[in-house]
């Protein structure tokens, strides 16, 4: 009987079970305090995140990116630096050149989607047109590389001979009478 009591009690007269319960209570209270201290409003978290991104964009590797950069743009730039992606320069009718980043084995459809995303981000940053009908754009214009129309959406850009920093042109389709 004496041995059982000595096994269940710790110095100070408390039982092992009492000590475990007390430890659990202290841990729960400490966790609750930490949650109260670490809770930040959404706006403050966004501010912290944007400050971190602004510092990240100052890196020489990422200095070409805009201040309001997205994770997608950062990943594209990193892939570009590692040779996993390429920049296709798309020339619009007004003379503006859009640097579009796509993966090395991208298809024509991937390029079109990247153009759409580039334009959406540009419009968000500049506050331009709210909606563009891409169905209309692709029915009215096609992409041309060295005089060859990029008609097959499934064909890879490499198969057309498009490499890093090559220029593709938006060309208005002629109406069929």
N, C-alpha and C. Protein backbone atom coordinates (compact mmCIF):
# COMPACT_ATOMS: atom_id res chain seq x y z
N UNK A 1 0.83 -1.19 0.00
CA UNK A 1 0.00 0.00 0.00
C UNK A 1 0.87 1.25 0.00
N UNK A 2 1.93 1.21 0.75
CA UNK A 2 2.83 2.34 0.84
C UNK A 2 3.52 2.59 -0.50
N UNK A 3 3.88 1.51 -1.22
CA UNK A 3 4.54 1.66 -2.50
C UNK A 3 3.60 2.30 -3.52
N UNK A 4 2.33 1.89 -3.52
CA UNK A 4 1.35 2.46 -4.46
C UNK A 4 1.22 3.95 -4.23
N UNK A 5 1.16 4.35 -3.01
CA UNK A 5 1.01 5.77 -2.71
C UNK A 5 2.24 6.54 -3.15
N UNK A 6 3.42 5.98 -2.95
CA UNK A 6 4.63 6.70 -3.33
C UNK A 6 4.76 6.79 -4.84
N UNK A 7 4.25 5.84 -5.60
CA UNK A 7 4.29 5.91 -7.05
C UNK A 7 3.34 6.97 -7.59
N UNK A 8 2.19 7.12 -6.95
CA UNK A 8 1.19 8.05 -7.43
C UNK A 8 1.43 9.48 -6.97
N UNK A 9 2.31 9.68 -6.03
CA UNK A 9 2.53 11.04 -5.53
C UNK A 9 3.88 11.55 -5.97
N UNK A 10 3.94 12.85 -6.14
CA UNK A 10 5.16 13.53 -6.54
C UNK A 10 5.58 14.39 -5.36
N UNK A 11 6.80 14.87 -5.36
CA UNK A 11 7.25 15.75 -4.29
C UNK A 11 6.28 16.89 -4.15
N UNK A 12 5.92 17.24 -2.97
CA UNK A 12 4.97 18.31 -2.73
C UNK A 12 3.60 17.78 -2.44
N UNK A 13 3.40 16.47 -2.49
CA UNK A 13 2.15 15.88 -2.09
C UNK A 13 1.11 15.78 -3.19
N UNK A 14 1.40 16.16 -4.43
CA UNK A 14 0.41 16.07 -5.51
C UNK A 14 0.57 14.73 -6.22
N UNK A 15 -0.54 14.20 -6.69
CA UNK A 15 -0.46 12.95 -7.43
C UNK A 15 -0.02 13.23 -8.86
N UNK A 16 0.44 12.19 -9.55
CA UNK A 16 0.88 12.32 -10.94
C UNK A 16 -0.28 12.79 -11.80
N UNK A 17 -1.45 12.25 -11.56
CA UNK A 17 -2.63 12.63 -12.34
C UNK A 17 -2.95 14.11 -12.15
N UNK A 18 -2.89 14.60 -10.92
CA UNK A 18 -3.15 16.02 -10.65
C UNK A 18 -2.13 16.90 -11.38
N UNK A 19 -0.89 16.46 -11.39
CA UNK A 19 0.18 17.21 -12.05
C UNK A 19 -0.08 17.29 -13.56
N UNK A 20 -0.51 16.17 -14.16
CA UNK A 20 -0.79 16.14 -15.61
C UNK A 20 -1.94 17.07 -15.96
N UNK A 21 -3.00 17.05 -15.17
CA UNK A 21 -4.16 17.92 -15.41
C UNK A 21 -3.75 19.38 -15.30
N UNK A 22 -2.94 19.70 -14.32
CA UNK A 22 -2.49 21.08 -14.14
C UNK A 22 -1.64 21.54 -15.34
N UNK A 23 -0.76 20.64 -15.81
CA UNK A 23 0.07 20.96 -16.98
C UNK A 23 -0.81 21.22 -18.21
N UNK A 24 -1.83 20.39 -18.41
CA UNK A 24 -2.74 20.58 -19.55
C UNK A 24 -3.45 21.93 -19.46
N UNK A 25 -3.91 22.28 -18.27
CA UNK A 25 -4.60 23.56 -18.09
C UNK A 25 -3.68 24.74 -18.40
N UNK A 26 -2.44 24.66 -17.91
CA UNK A 26 -1.48 25.73 -18.18
C UNK A 26 -1.19 25.85 -19.68
N UNK A 27 -1.07 24.70 -20.35
CA UNK A 27 -0.81 24.70 -21.78
C UNK A 27 -1.98 25.33 -22.53
N UNK A 28 -3.19 24.98 -22.18
CA UNK A 28 -4.38 25.55 -22.83
C UNK A 28 -4.44 27.05 -22.63
N UNK A 29 -4.14 27.51 -21.41
CA UNK A 29 -4.17 28.96 -21.15
C UNK A 29 -3.09 29.67 -21.95
N UNK A 30 -1.91 29.09 -22.06
CA UNK A 30 -0.82 29.70 -22.84
C UNK A 30 -1.19 29.77 -24.31
N UNK A 31 -1.82 28.70 -24.84
CA UNK A 31 -2.26 28.70 -26.24
C UNK A 31 -3.30 29.78 -26.48
N UNK A 32 -4.23 29.94 -25.55
CA UNK A 32 -5.26 30.96 -25.69
C UNK A 32 -4.64 32.36 -25.70
N UNK A 33 -3.63 32.59 -24.83
CA UNK A 33 -2.94 33.88 -24.80
C UNK A 33 -2.23 34.15 -26.12
N UNK A 34 -1.56 33.11 -26.66
CA UNK A 34 -0.86 33.28 -27.93
C UNK A 34 -1.82 33.61 -29.05
N UNK A 35 -2.99 32.97 -29.08
CA UNK A 35 -3.98 33.25 -30.12
C UNK A 35 -4.44 34.69 -30.04
N UNK A 36 -4.65 35.19 -28.81
CA UNK A 36 -5.09 36.58 -28.64
C UNK A 36 -4.02 37.54 -29.14
N UNK A 37 -2.75 37.23 -28.87
CA UNK A 37 -1.66 38.12 -29.27
C UNK A 37 -1.43 38.09 -30.78
N UNK A 38 -1.64 36.93 -31.44
CA UNK A 38 -1.31 36.78 -32.85
C UNK A 38 -2.46 37.12 -33.78
N UNK A 39 -3.64 37.39 -33.27
CA UNK A 39 -4.78 37.69 -34.12
C UNK A 39 -4.65 39.10 -34.66
N UNK A 40 -4.58 39.20 -35.98
CA UNK A 40 -4.49 40.50 -36.65
C UNK A 40 -5.66 40.65 -37.61
N UNK A 41 -6.12 41.87 -37.80
CA UNK A 41 -7.17 42.07 -38.80
C UNK A 41 -6.64 41.77 -40.20
N UNK A 42 -7.54 41.41 -41.08
CA UNK A 42 -7.18 41.05 -42.45
C UNK A 42 -6.41 42.17 -43.14
N UNK A 43 -6.82 43.39 -42.94
CA UNK A 43 -6.16 44.52 -43.60
C UNK A 43 -4.69 44.64 -43.18
N UNK A 44 -4.41 44.39 -41.89
CA UNK A 44 -3.02 44.46 -41.42
C UNK A 44 -2.17 43.34 -42.01
N UNK A 45 -2.76 42.15 -42.12
CA UNK A 45 -2.05 41.03 -42.72
C UNK A 45 -1.74 41.33 -44.18
N UNK A 46 -2.69 41.91 -44.90
CA UNK A 46 -2.46 42.30 -46.29
C UNK A 46 -1.35 43.33 -46.40
N UNK A 47 -1.33 44.30 -45.48
CA UNK A 47 -0.27 45.31 -45.49
C UNK A 47 1.10 44.67 -45.27
N UNK A 48 1.19 43.75 -44.32
CA UNK A 48 2.45 43.06 -44.04
C UNK A 48 2.89 42.27 -45.27
N UNK A 49 1.94 41.58 -45.89
CA UNK A 49 2.24 40.79 -47.08
C UNK A 49 2.72 41.67 -48.22
N UNK A 50 2.05 42.80 -48.45
CA UNK A 50 2.44 43.71 -49.53
C UNK A 50 3.81 44.32 -49.28
N UNK A 51 4.13 44.63 -48.02
CA UNK A 51 5.47 45.15 -47.69
C UNK A 51 6.53 44.10 -48.01
N UNK A 52 6.24 42.86 -47.66
CA UNK A 52 7.18 41.76 -47.95
C UNK A 52 7.36 41.58 -49.45
N UNK A 53 6.27 41.67 -50.21
CA UNK A 53 6.37 41.56 -51.66
C UNK A 53 7.16 42.72 -52.25
N UNK A 54 6.96 43.92 -51.73
CA UNK A 54 7.69 45.09 -52.22
C UNK A 54 9.19 44.89 -52.01
N UNK A 55 9.57 44.32 -50.86
CA UNK A 55 10.99 44.05 -50.60
C UNK A 55 11.50 42.96 -51.54
N UNK A 56 10.66 41.97 -51.79
CA UNK A 56 11.04 40.87 -52.68
C UNK A 56 11.27 41.36 -54.10
N UNK A 57 10.44 42.29 -54.55
CA UNK A 57 10.54 42.80 -55.92
C UNK A 57 11.79 43.65 -56.10
N UNK A 58 12.39 44.13 -55.03
CA UNK A 58 13.62 44.91 -55.14
C UNK A 58 14.83 44.03 -55.46
N UNK A 59 14.67 42.73 -55.35
CA UNK A 59 15.74 41.80 -55.69
C UNK A 59 16.07 41.94 -57.18
N UNK A 60 17.35 41.92 -57.56
CA UNK A 60 17.73 42.09 -58.97
C UNK A 60 17.08 41.06 -59.90
N UNK A 61 16.82 39.88 -59.38
CA UNK A 61 16.19 38.83 -60.17
C UNK A 61 14.74 39.17 -60.51
N UNK A 62 14.05 39.88 -59.61
CA UNK A 62 12.63 40.15 -59.78
C UNK A 62 12.32 41.63 -60.00
N UNK A 63 13.33 42.44 -60.31
CA UNK A 63 13.13 43.89 -60.39
C UNK A 63 12.25 44.32 -61.57
N UNK A 64 12.04 43.43 -62.56
CA UNK A 64 11.20 43.77 -63.70
C UNK A 64 9.71 43.69 -63.39
N UNK A 65 9.37 43.14 -62.25
CA UNK A 65 7.96 42.95 -61.90
C UNK A 65 7.35 44.22 -61.33
N UNK A 66 6.03 44.40 -61.51
CA UNK A 66 5.36 45.57 -60.95
C UNK A 66 5.27 45.48 -59.42
N UNK A 67 4.98 46.61 -58.78
CA UNK A 67 4.89 46.64 -57.31
C UNK A 67 3.75 45.76 -56.82
N UNK A 68 2.60 45.80 -57.48
CA UNK A 68 1.45 44.99 -57.08
C UNK A 68 1.54 43.62 -57.76
N UNK A 69 2.59 42.90 -57.48
CA UNK A 69 2.88 41.64 -58.15
C UNK A 69 2.03 40.51 -57.59
N UNK A 70 1.72 39.55 -58.43
CA UNK A 70 1.00 38.37 -57.97
C UNK A 70 1.97 37.21 -57.83
N UNK A 71 1.56 36.20 -57.10
CA UNK A 71 2.40 35.01 -56.92
C UNK A 71 2.67 34.36 -58.27
N UNK A 72 1.69 34.37 -59.15
CA UNK A 72 1.85 33.79 -60.48
C UNK A 72 2.97 34.49 -61.25
N UNK A 73 3.05 35.81 -61.14
CA UNK A 73 4.09 36.56 -61.83
C UNK A 73 5.47 36.27 -61.24
N UNK A 74 5.55 36.13 -59.92
CA UNK A 74 6.83 35.81 -59.27
C UNK A 74 7.30 34.44 -59.74
N UNK A 75 6.39 33.46 -59.73
CA UNK A 75 6.74 32.11 -60.16
C UNK A 75 7.16 32.09 -61.63
N UNK A 76 6.49 32.85 -62.47
CA UNK A 76 6.85 32.92 -63.89
C UNK A 76 8.25 33.50 -64.07
N UNK A 77 8.56 34.53 -63.31
CA UNK A 77 9.88 35.17 -63.43
C UNK A 77 10.98 34.23 -62.96
N UNK A 78 10.71 33.50 -61.90
CA UNK A 78 11.70 32.54 -61.41
C UNK A 78 11.90 31.42 -62.43
N UNK A 79 10.80 30.92 -63.00
CA UNK A 79 10.89 29.88 -64.03
C UNK A 79 11.67 30.39 -65.24
N UNK A 80 11.49 31.65 -65.57
CA UNK A 80 12.20 32.27 -66.68
C UNK A 80 13.70 32.29 -66.41
N UNK A 81 14.07 32.65 -65.18
CA UNK A 81 15.48 32.71 -64.81
C UNK A 81 16.14 31.33 -64.81
N UNK A 82 15.36 30.31 -64.48
CA UNK A 82 15.90 28.95 -64.47
C UNK A 82 15.81 28.26 -65.83
N UNK A 83 15.31 28.95 -66.84
CA UNK A 83 15.22 28.38 -68.17
C UNK A 83 14.05 27.45 -68.37
N UNK A 84 13.11 27.46 -67.45
CA UNK A 84 11.93 26.60 -67.56
C UNK A 84 10.81 27.28 -68.33
N UNK A 85 10.97 28.57 -68.61
CA UNK A 85 9.94 29.33 -69.32
C UNK A 85 10.63 30.24 -70.34
N UNK A 86 9.82 30.83 -71.20
CA UNK A 86 10.35 31.77 -72.20
C UNK A 86 9.41 32.96 -72.31
N UNK A 87 9.96 34.06 -72.78
CA UNK A 87 9.17 35.27 -73.01
C UNK A 87 8.86 35.36 -74.49
N UNK A 88 7.57 35.50 -74.79
CA UNK A 88 7.14 35.73 -76.17
C UNK A 88 6.64 37.16 -76.22
N UNK A 89 7.22 37.93 -77.09
CA UNK A 89 6.82 39.34 -77.22
C UNK A 89 5.66 39.41 -78.21
N UNK A 90 4.51 39.87 -77.72
CA UNK A 90 3.32 39.96 -78.57
C UNK A 90 3.12 41.42 -78.96
N UNK A 91 3.16 41.67 -80.26
CA UNK A 91 3.02 43.02 -80.80
C UNK A 91 1.57 43.30 -81.14
N UNK A 92 1.00 44.32 -80.51
CA UNK A 92 -0.38 44.70 -80.80
C UNK A 92 -0.41 45.68 -81.97
N UNK A 93 -1.60 45.91 -82.51
CA UNK A 93 -1.76 46.78 -83.67
C UNK A 93 -1.34 48.22 -83.37
N UNK A 94 -1.48 48.65 -82.12
CA UNK A 94 -1.12 50.03 -81.76
C UNK A 94 0.38 50.18 -81.48
N UNK A 95 1.15 49.11 -81.68
CA UNK A 95 2.59 49.18 -81.50
C UNK A 95 3.07 48.76 -80.12
N UNK A 96 2.16 48.56 -79.20
CA UNK A 96 2.54 48.13 -77.85
C UNK A 96 3.04 46.69 -77.88
N UNK A 97 4.12 46.43 -77.16
CA UNK A 97 4.66 45.07 -77.06
C UNK A 97 4.36 44.53 -75.66
N UNK A 98 3.72 43.36 -75.64
CA UNK A 98 3.39 42.71 -74.37
C UNK A 98 4.36 41.56 -74.14
N UNK A 99 5.15 41.60 -73.07
CA UNK A 99 6.04 40.47 -72.78
C UNK A 99 5.25 39.37 -72.07
N UNK A 100 5.00 38.27 -72.75
CA UNK A 100 4.20 37.19 -72.20
C UNK A 100 5.12 36.03 -71.85
N UNK A 101 5.03 35.56 -70.61
CA UNK A 101 5.87 34.46 -70.15
C UNK A 101 5.05 33.16 -70.19
N UNK A 102 5.59 32.17 -70.89
CA UNK A 102 4.96 30.85 -70.97
C UNK A 102 6.02 29.78 -70.75
N UNK A 103 5.59 28.58 -70.39
CA UNK A 103 6.54 27.48 -70.19
C UNK A 103 7.16 27.10 -71.53
N UNK A 104 8.29 26.42 -71.48
CA UNK A 104 9.03 26.08 -72.69
C UNK A 104 8.22 25.25 -73.69
N UNK A 105 7.42 24.31 -73.21
CA UNK A 105 6.66 23.45 -74.12
C UNK A 105 5.20 23.90 -74.26
N UNK A 106 4.96 25.20 -74.19
CA UNK A 106 3.60 25.75 -74.24
C UNK A 106 2.99 25.58 -75.63
N UNK A 107 1.67 25.44 -75.64
CA UNK A 107 0.93 25.37 -76.89
C UNK A 107 0.42 26.77 -77.24
N UNK A 108 -0.18 26.88 -78.41
CA UNK A 108 -0.76 28.16 -78.82
C UNK A 108 -1.87 28.56 -77.86
N UNK A 109 -2.65 27.59 -77.41
CA UNK A 109 -3.72 27.87 -76.45
C UNK A 109 -3.15 28.42 -75.14
N UNK A 110 -2.03 27.86 -74.68
CA UNK A 110 -1.37 28.37 -73.47
C UNK A 110 -0.94 29.83 -73.65
N UNK A 111 -0.44 30.14 -74.83
CA UNK A 111 -0.04 31.53 -75.13
C UNK A 111 -1.26 32.45 -75.09
N UNK A 112 -2.37 32.00 -75.68
CA UNK A 112 -3.59 32.82 -75.67
C UNK A 112 -4.09 33.06 -74.25
N UNK A 113 -4.06 32.01 -73.43
CA UNK A 113 -4.49 32.16 -72.03
C UNK A 113 -3.57 33.11 -71.28
N UNK A 114 -2.27 33.03 -71.56
CA UNK A 114 -1.30 33.93 -70.89
C UNK A 114 -1.53 35.37 -71.33
N UNK A 115 -1.89 35.58 -72.60
CA UNK A 115 -2.21 36.94 -73.08
C UNK A 115 -3.43 37.46 -72.35
N UNK A 116 -4.45 36.62 -72.21
CA UNK A 116 -5.67 37.03 -71.49
C UNK A 116 -5.33 37.43 -70.05
N UNK A 117 -4.54 36.61 -69.37
CA UNK A 117 -4.17 36.89 -67.98
C UNK A 117 -3.35 38.17 -67.87
N UNK A 118 -2.41 38.37 -68.79
CA UNK A 118 -1.60 39.58 -68.81
C UNK A 118 -2.49 40.81 -68.94
N UNK A 119 -3.45 40.76 -69.86
CA UNK A 119 -4.34 41.90 -70.08
C UNK A 119 -5.25 42.15 -68.88
N UNK A 120 -5.74 41.08 -68.26
CA UNK A 120 -6.59 41.23 -67.08
C UNK A 120 -5.83 41.92 -65.95
N UNK A 121 -4.60 41.48 -65.70
CA UNK A 121 -3.79 42.11 -64.65
C UNK A 121 -3.48 43.56 -64.98
N UNK A 122 -3.19 43.83 -66.23
CA UNK A 122 -2.89 45.20 -66.66
C UNK A 122 -4.11 46.10 -66.45
N UNK A 123 -5.28 45.60 -66.82
CA UNK A 123 -6.50 46.38 -66.65
C UNK A 123 -6.82 46.62 -65.18
N UNK A 124 -6.59 45.63 -64.34
CA UNK A 124 -6.82 45.80 -62.91
C UNK A 124 -5.91 46.89 -62.34
N UNK A 125 -4.66 46.89 -62.77
CA UNK A 125 -3.70 47.87 -62.25
C UNK A 125 -3.97 49.27 -62.77
N UNK A 126 -4.39 49.37 -64.00
CA UNK A 126 -4.60 50.68 -64.61
C UNK A 126 -6.05 51.15 -64.54
N UNK A 127 -6.96 50.28 -64.14
CA UNK A 127 -8.36 50.66 -64.04
C UNK A 127 -9.00 50.87 -65.40
N UNK A 128 -8.63 50.06 -66.35
CA UNK A 128 -9.15 50.19 -67.72
C UNK A 128 -10.50 49.52 -67.90
N UNK A 129 -10.72 48.98 -69.08
CA UNK A 129 -11.97 48.32 -69.45
C UNK A 129 -12.23 47.17 -68.47
N UNK A 130 -13.49 47.04 -68.07
CA UNK A 130 -13.82 46.03 -67.07
C UNK A 130 -13.88 44.62 -67.67
N UNK A 131 -14.38 44.50 -68.90
CA UNK A 131 -14.56 43.17 -69.47
C UNK A 131 -14.14 43.17 -70.93
N UNK A 132 -13.42 42.15 -71.32
CA UNK A 132 -13.03 41.97 -72.71
C UNK A 132 -13.61 40.65 -73.18
N UNK A 133 -14.27 40.66 -74.32
CA UNK A 133 -14.80 39.43 -74.88
C UNK A 133 -13.69 38.75 -75.67
N UNK A 134 -13.04 37.78 -75.05
CA UNK A 134 -11.93 37.11 -75.70
C UNK A 134 -12.41 36.25 -76.86
N UNK A 135 -13.65 35.79 -76.78
CA UNK A 135 -14.20 35.04 -77.92
C UNK A 135 -14.21 35.94 -79.16
N UNK A 136 -14.63 37.20 -78.97
CA UNK A 136 -14.63 38.15 -80.08
C UNK A 136 -13.21 38.45 -80.55
N UNK A 137 -12.29 38.64 -79.60
CA UNK A 137 -10.90 38.95 -79.96
C UNK A 137 -10.32 37.84 -80.82
N UNK A 138 -10.50 36.57 -80.42
CA UNK A 138 -9.89 35.47 -81.17
C UNK A 138 -10.61 35.19 -82.48
N UNK A 139 -11.89 35.64 -82.61
CA UNK A 139 -12.57 35.53 -83.91
C UNK A 139 -12.13 36.64 -84.85
N UNK A 140 -11.76 37.79 -84.30
CA UNK A 140 -11.41 38.96 -85.11
C UNK A 140 -9.92 39.03 -85.43
N UNK A 141 -9.09 38.55 -84.54
CA UNK A 141 -7.63 38.62 -84.70
C UNK A 141 -7.04 37.21 -84.62
N UNK A 142 -5.89 37.05 -85.22
CA UNK A 142 -5.13 35.82 -85.00
C UNK A 142 -3.67 36.20 -84.74
N UNK A 143 -2.94 35.25 -84.22
CA UNK A 143 -1.53 35.46 -83.94
C UNK A 143 -0.72 34.99 -85.14
N UNK A 144 0.32 35.77 -85.47
CA UNK A 144 1.15 35.46 -86.62
C UNK A 144 2.61 35.49 -86.19
N UNK A 145 3.37 34.48 -86.63
CA UNK A 145 4.80 34.44 -86.39
C UNK A 145 5.49 34.23 -87.73
N UNK A 146 6.31 35.20 -88.12
CA UNK A 146 7.06 35.17 -89.38
C UNK A 146 6.16 34.81 -90.56
N UNK A 147 4.99 35.47 -90.63
CA UNK A 147 4.06 35.29 -91.75
C UNK A 147 3.17 34.06 -91.65
N UNK A 148 3.38 33.22 -90.65
CA UNK A 148 2.58 32.00 -90.49
C UNK A 148 1.55 32.20 -89.38
N UNK A 149 0.28 31.92 -89.70
CA UNK A 149 -0.79 32.04 -88.71
C UNK A 149 -0.70 30.89 -87.71
N UNK A 150 -0.90 31.23 -86.45
CA UNK A 150 -0.90 30.22 -85.40
C UNK A 150 -2.34 29.75 -85.19
N UNK A 151 -2.82 28.93 -86.12
CA UNK A 151 -4.23 28.52 -86.12
C UNK A 151 -4.53 27.34 -85.21
N UNK A 152 -3.60 26.41 -85.09
CA UNK A 152 -3.84 25.19 -84.33
C UNK A 152 -3.52 25.42 -82.86
N UNK A 153 -4.57 25.51 -82.02
CA UNK A 153 -4.39 25.79 -80.59
C UNK A 153 -3.61 24.69 -79.87
N UNK A 154 -3.64 23.47 -80.39
CA UNK A 154 -2.98 22.36 -79.71
C UNK A 154 -1.50 22.25 -80.07
N UNK A 155 -1.09 22.91 -81.14
CA UNK A 155 0.30 22.81 -81.59
C UNK A 155 1.22 23.60 -80.66
N UNK A 156 2.38 23.05 -80.38
CA UNK A 156 3.33 23.71 -79.49
C UNK A 156 4.00 24.88 -80.20
N UNK A 157 4.38 25.88 -79.43
CA UNK A 157 5.05 27.05 -79.99
C UNK A 157 6.38 26.67 -80.61
N UNK A 158 7.08 25.71 -80.01
CA UNK A 158 8.36 25.26 -80.56
C UNK A 158 8.19 24.68 -81.96
N UNK A 159 7.04 24.04 -82.20
CA UNK A 159 6.78 23.44 -83.51
C UNK A 159 6.62 24.52 -84.59
N UNK A 160 6.20 25.70 -84.18
CA UNK A 160 6.13 26.83 -85.11
C UNK A 160 7.49 27.52 -85.24
N UNK A 161 8.45 27.12 -84.42
CA UNK A 161 9.78 27.73 -84.45
C UNK A 161 9.93 28.91 -83.50
N UNK A 162 8.98 29.08 -82.60
CA UNK A 162 9.02 30.20 -81.66
C UNK A 162 9.95 29.86 -80.49
N UNK A 163 10.89 30.74 -80.23
CA UNK A 163 11.87 30.57 -79.16
C UNK A 163 11.78 31.76 -78.20
N UNK A 164 12.62 31.75 -77.20
CA UNK A 164 12.64 32.84 -76.21
C UNK A 164 12.90 34.19 -76.89
N UNK A 165 12.15 35.19 -76.52
CA UNK A 165 12.23 36.57 -76.99
C UNK A 165 11.83 36.76 -78.45
N UNK A 166 11.17 35.77 -79.06
CA UNK A 166 10.66 35.95 -80.42
C UNK A 166 9.40 36.80 -80.38
N UNK A 167 9.10 37.43 -81.51
CA UNK A 167 7.97 38.34 -81.59
C UNK A 167 6.82 37.73 -82.39
N UNK A 168 5.65 37.74 -81.78
CA UNK A 168 4.42 37.27 -82.40
C UNK A 168 3.52 38.48 -82.56
N UNK A 169 2.78 38.57 -83.68
CA UNK A 169 1.97 39.75 -83.97
C UNK A 169 0.48 39.42 -83.91
N UNK A 170 -0.29 40.36 -83.33
CA UNK A 170 -1.74 40.30 -83.43
C UNK A 170 -2.10 40.83 -84.81
N UNK A 171 -2.74 40.03 -85.62
CA UNK A 171 -3.09 40.44 -86.97
C UNK A 171 -4.61 40.33 -87.14
N UNK A 172 -5.21 41.38 -87.69
CA UNK A 172 -6.65 41.37 -87.91
C UNK A 172 -6.98 40.40 -89.03
N UNK A 173 -8.00 39.57 -88.81
CA UNK A 173 -8.43 38.63 -89.84
C UNK A 173 -9.16 39.35 -90.94
N UNK A 174 -8.95 38.95 -92.14
CA UNK A 174 -9.69 39.52 -93.27
C UNK A 174 -11.05 38.85 -93.36
N UNK A 175 -12.06 39.65 -93.67
CA UNK A 175 -13.40 39.09 -93.80
C UNK A 175 -13.51 38.28 -95.08
N UNK A 176 -14.22 37.19 -94.96
CA UNK A 176 -14.49 36.36 -96.14
C UNK A 176 -15.82 36.80 -96.72
N UNK A 177 -15.82 37.07 -98.03
CA UNK A 177 -17.07 37.51 -98.65
C UNK A 177 -17.80 36.38 -99.29
